[in-house]
Protein backbone atom coordinates (compact mmCIF):
# COMPACT_ATOMS: atom_id res chain seq x y z
CA UNK A 1 -34.79 -4.49 30.00
CA UNK A 2 -31.34 -5.69 30.80
CA UNK A 3 -29.61 -8.09 28.47
CA UNK A 4 -29.21 -11.52 29.79
CA UNK A 5 -25.81 -13.11 29.81
CA UNK A 6 -26.17 -16.66 29.01
CA UNK A 7 -22.28 -17.63 29.01
CA UNK A 8 -20.97 -18.96 32.20
CA UNK A 9 -17.35 -19.15 33.55
CA UNK A 10 -16.32 -22.39 31.95
CA UNK A 11 -17.64 -21.18 28.75
CA UNK A 12 -15.45 -17.86 28.70
CA UNK A 13 -12.62 -19.96 29.83
CA UNK A 14 -13.23 -22.60 26.98
CA UNK A 15 -13.35 -19.48 24.77
CA UNK A 16 -9.77 -17.99 25.79
CA UNK A 17 -8.37 -21.91 25.58
CA UNK A 18 -9.40 -21.97 22.36
CA UNK A 19 -8.28 -18.63 21.31
CA UNK A 20 -5.00 -19.65 22.55
CA UNK A 21 -4.67 -22.36 19.98
CA UNK A 22 -5.82 -20.68 17.33
CA UNK A 23 -3.55 -17.91 17.71
CA UNK A 24 -0.67 -20.25 18.77
CA UNK A 25 -0.88 -22.55 15.95
CA UNK A 26 0.18 -20.58 12.86
CA UNK A 27 3.18 -19.33 14.87
CA UNK A 28 4.70 -22.97 16.22
CA UNK A 29 4.01 -25.12 13.35
CA UNK A 30 6.11 -23.39 10.77
CA UNK A 31 8.79 -23.30 13.32
CA UNK A 32 8.24 -26.74 13.98
CA UNK A 33 8.49 -27.96 10.45
CA UNK A 34 11.23 -25.77 9.17
CA UNK A 35 13.63 -26.35 11.92
CA UNK A 36 13.82 -29.69 10.56
CA UNK A 37 14.43 -29.34 7.15
CA UNK A 38 16.80 -27.71 4.70
CA UNK A 39 15.47 -24.48 3.34
CA UNK A 40 16.66 -23.51 -0.21
CA UNK A 41 18.55 -20.60 -0.80
CA UNK A 42 16.06 -19.07 -3.25
CA UNK A 43 13.40 -19.27 -1.04
CA UNK A 44 15.40 -17.41 2.02
CA UNK A 45 16.54 -14.66 -0.72
CA UNK A 46 13.06 -14.41 -1.61
CA UNK A 47 11.57 -13.85 1.70
CA UNK A 48 13.94 -11.26 2.60
CA UNK A 49 11.76 -8.99 0.44
CA UNK A 50 8.16 -10.06 2.57
CA UNK A 51 8.88 -8.02 5.58
CA UNK A 52 9.55 -4.74 3.32
CA UNK A 53 6.33 -5.50 1.17
CA UNK A 54 4.06 -6.10 3.95
CA UNK A 55 5.06 -2.78 5.96
CA UNK A 56 5.08 -0.66 2.58
CA UNK A 57 1.54 -1.84 2.10
CA UNK A 58 0.25 -1.13 5.38
CA UNK A 59 2.10 2.33 5.71
CA UNK A 60 0.75 3.40 2.24
CA UNK A 61 -2.95 2.51 3.27
CA UNK A 62 -2.48 4.17 6.35
CA UNK A 63 -1.22 7.41 5.36
CA UNK A 64 -3.05 7.91 2.23
CA UNK A 65 -6.33 6.25 2.29
CA UNK A 66 -9.12 7.49 4.15
CA UNK A 67 -11.69 5.62 6.35
CA UNK A 68 -14.02 5.73 3.41
CA UNK A 69 -11.42 4.19 1.28
CA UNK A 70 -10.92 7.79 -0.50
CA UNK A 71 -7.52 8.80 -2.02
CA UNK A 72 -7.11 11.76 0.87
CA UNK A 73 -3.84 13.71 0.85
CA UNK A 74 -5.08 16.93 2.60
CA UNK A 75 -6.22 15.39 5.74
CA UNK A 76 -2.95 13.06 5.72
CA UNK A 77 -0.45 15.73 5.78
CA UNK A 78 1.28 14.81 9.41
CA UNK A 79 1.37 11.06 8.59
CA UNK A 80 2.97 11.94 5.26
CA UNK A 81 5.71 14.08 6.75
CA UNK A 82 6.11 11.40 9.36
CA UNK A 83 6.48 8.68 6.84
CA UNK A 84 9.07 10.90 5.33
CA UNK A 85 11.01 11.25 8.38
CA UNK A 86 10.51 7.45 8.86
CA UNK A 87 12.00 6.57 5.48
CA UNK A 88 15.09 8.42 6.07
CA UNK A 89 15.78 7.54 9.40
CA UNK A 90 15.17 3.71 8.28
CA UNK A 91 17.38 4.25 5.03
CA UNK A 92 20.32 5.75 7.08
CA UNK A 93 20.34 3.68 10.27
CA UNK A 94 18.58 0.28 9.31
CA UNK A 95 17.03 -0.01 12.62
CA UNK A 96 13.68 -0.86 12.84
CA UNK A 97 13.18 -0.09 16.39
CA UNK A 98 14.58 3.28 15.95
CA UNK A 99 11.93 3.96 13.01
CA UNK A 100 9.01 2.95 14.85
CA UNK A 101 10.05 4.99 17.60
CA UNK A 102 10.88 8.07 15.71
CA UNK A 103 7.53 7.31 13.41
CA UNK A 104 5.49 7.21 16.42
CA UNK A 105 6.82 10.47 18.06
CA UNK A 106 6.80 12.47 14.67
CA UNK A 107 3.36 11.35 13.84
CA UNK A 108 2.16 12.68 17.44
CA UNK A 109 4.01 15.79 17.40
CA UNK A 110 3.11 16.76 13.89
CA UNK A 111 -0.65 16.03 14.76
CA UNK A 112 -0.18 18.58 17.37
CA UNK A 113 1.66 21.30 15.65
CA UNK A 114 -0.80 20.82 12.16
């Protein structure tokens, strides 16, 4: 028996519009609030470390932890080698774009080769 779709076009449109506001608000409100205020220098210094720490947490999880949340080095050899390459590229060039591109290419090539 086929599933019956009880959603009409208006409900889909409403869902898309609500999704827009849910995604837009967390991006717009901080910009609106902080462009009209003076941000303390200590806060700016502290915020410089946030992207690095978030990026590190995401990379370490994806490189060293398997989908079953087991520490698994053997099955992640291409990712580990690629992360070392990306680390060196990022350190010497300080370019996030170049690091991401080199990382994607190196993961692909190492996955094919290894």
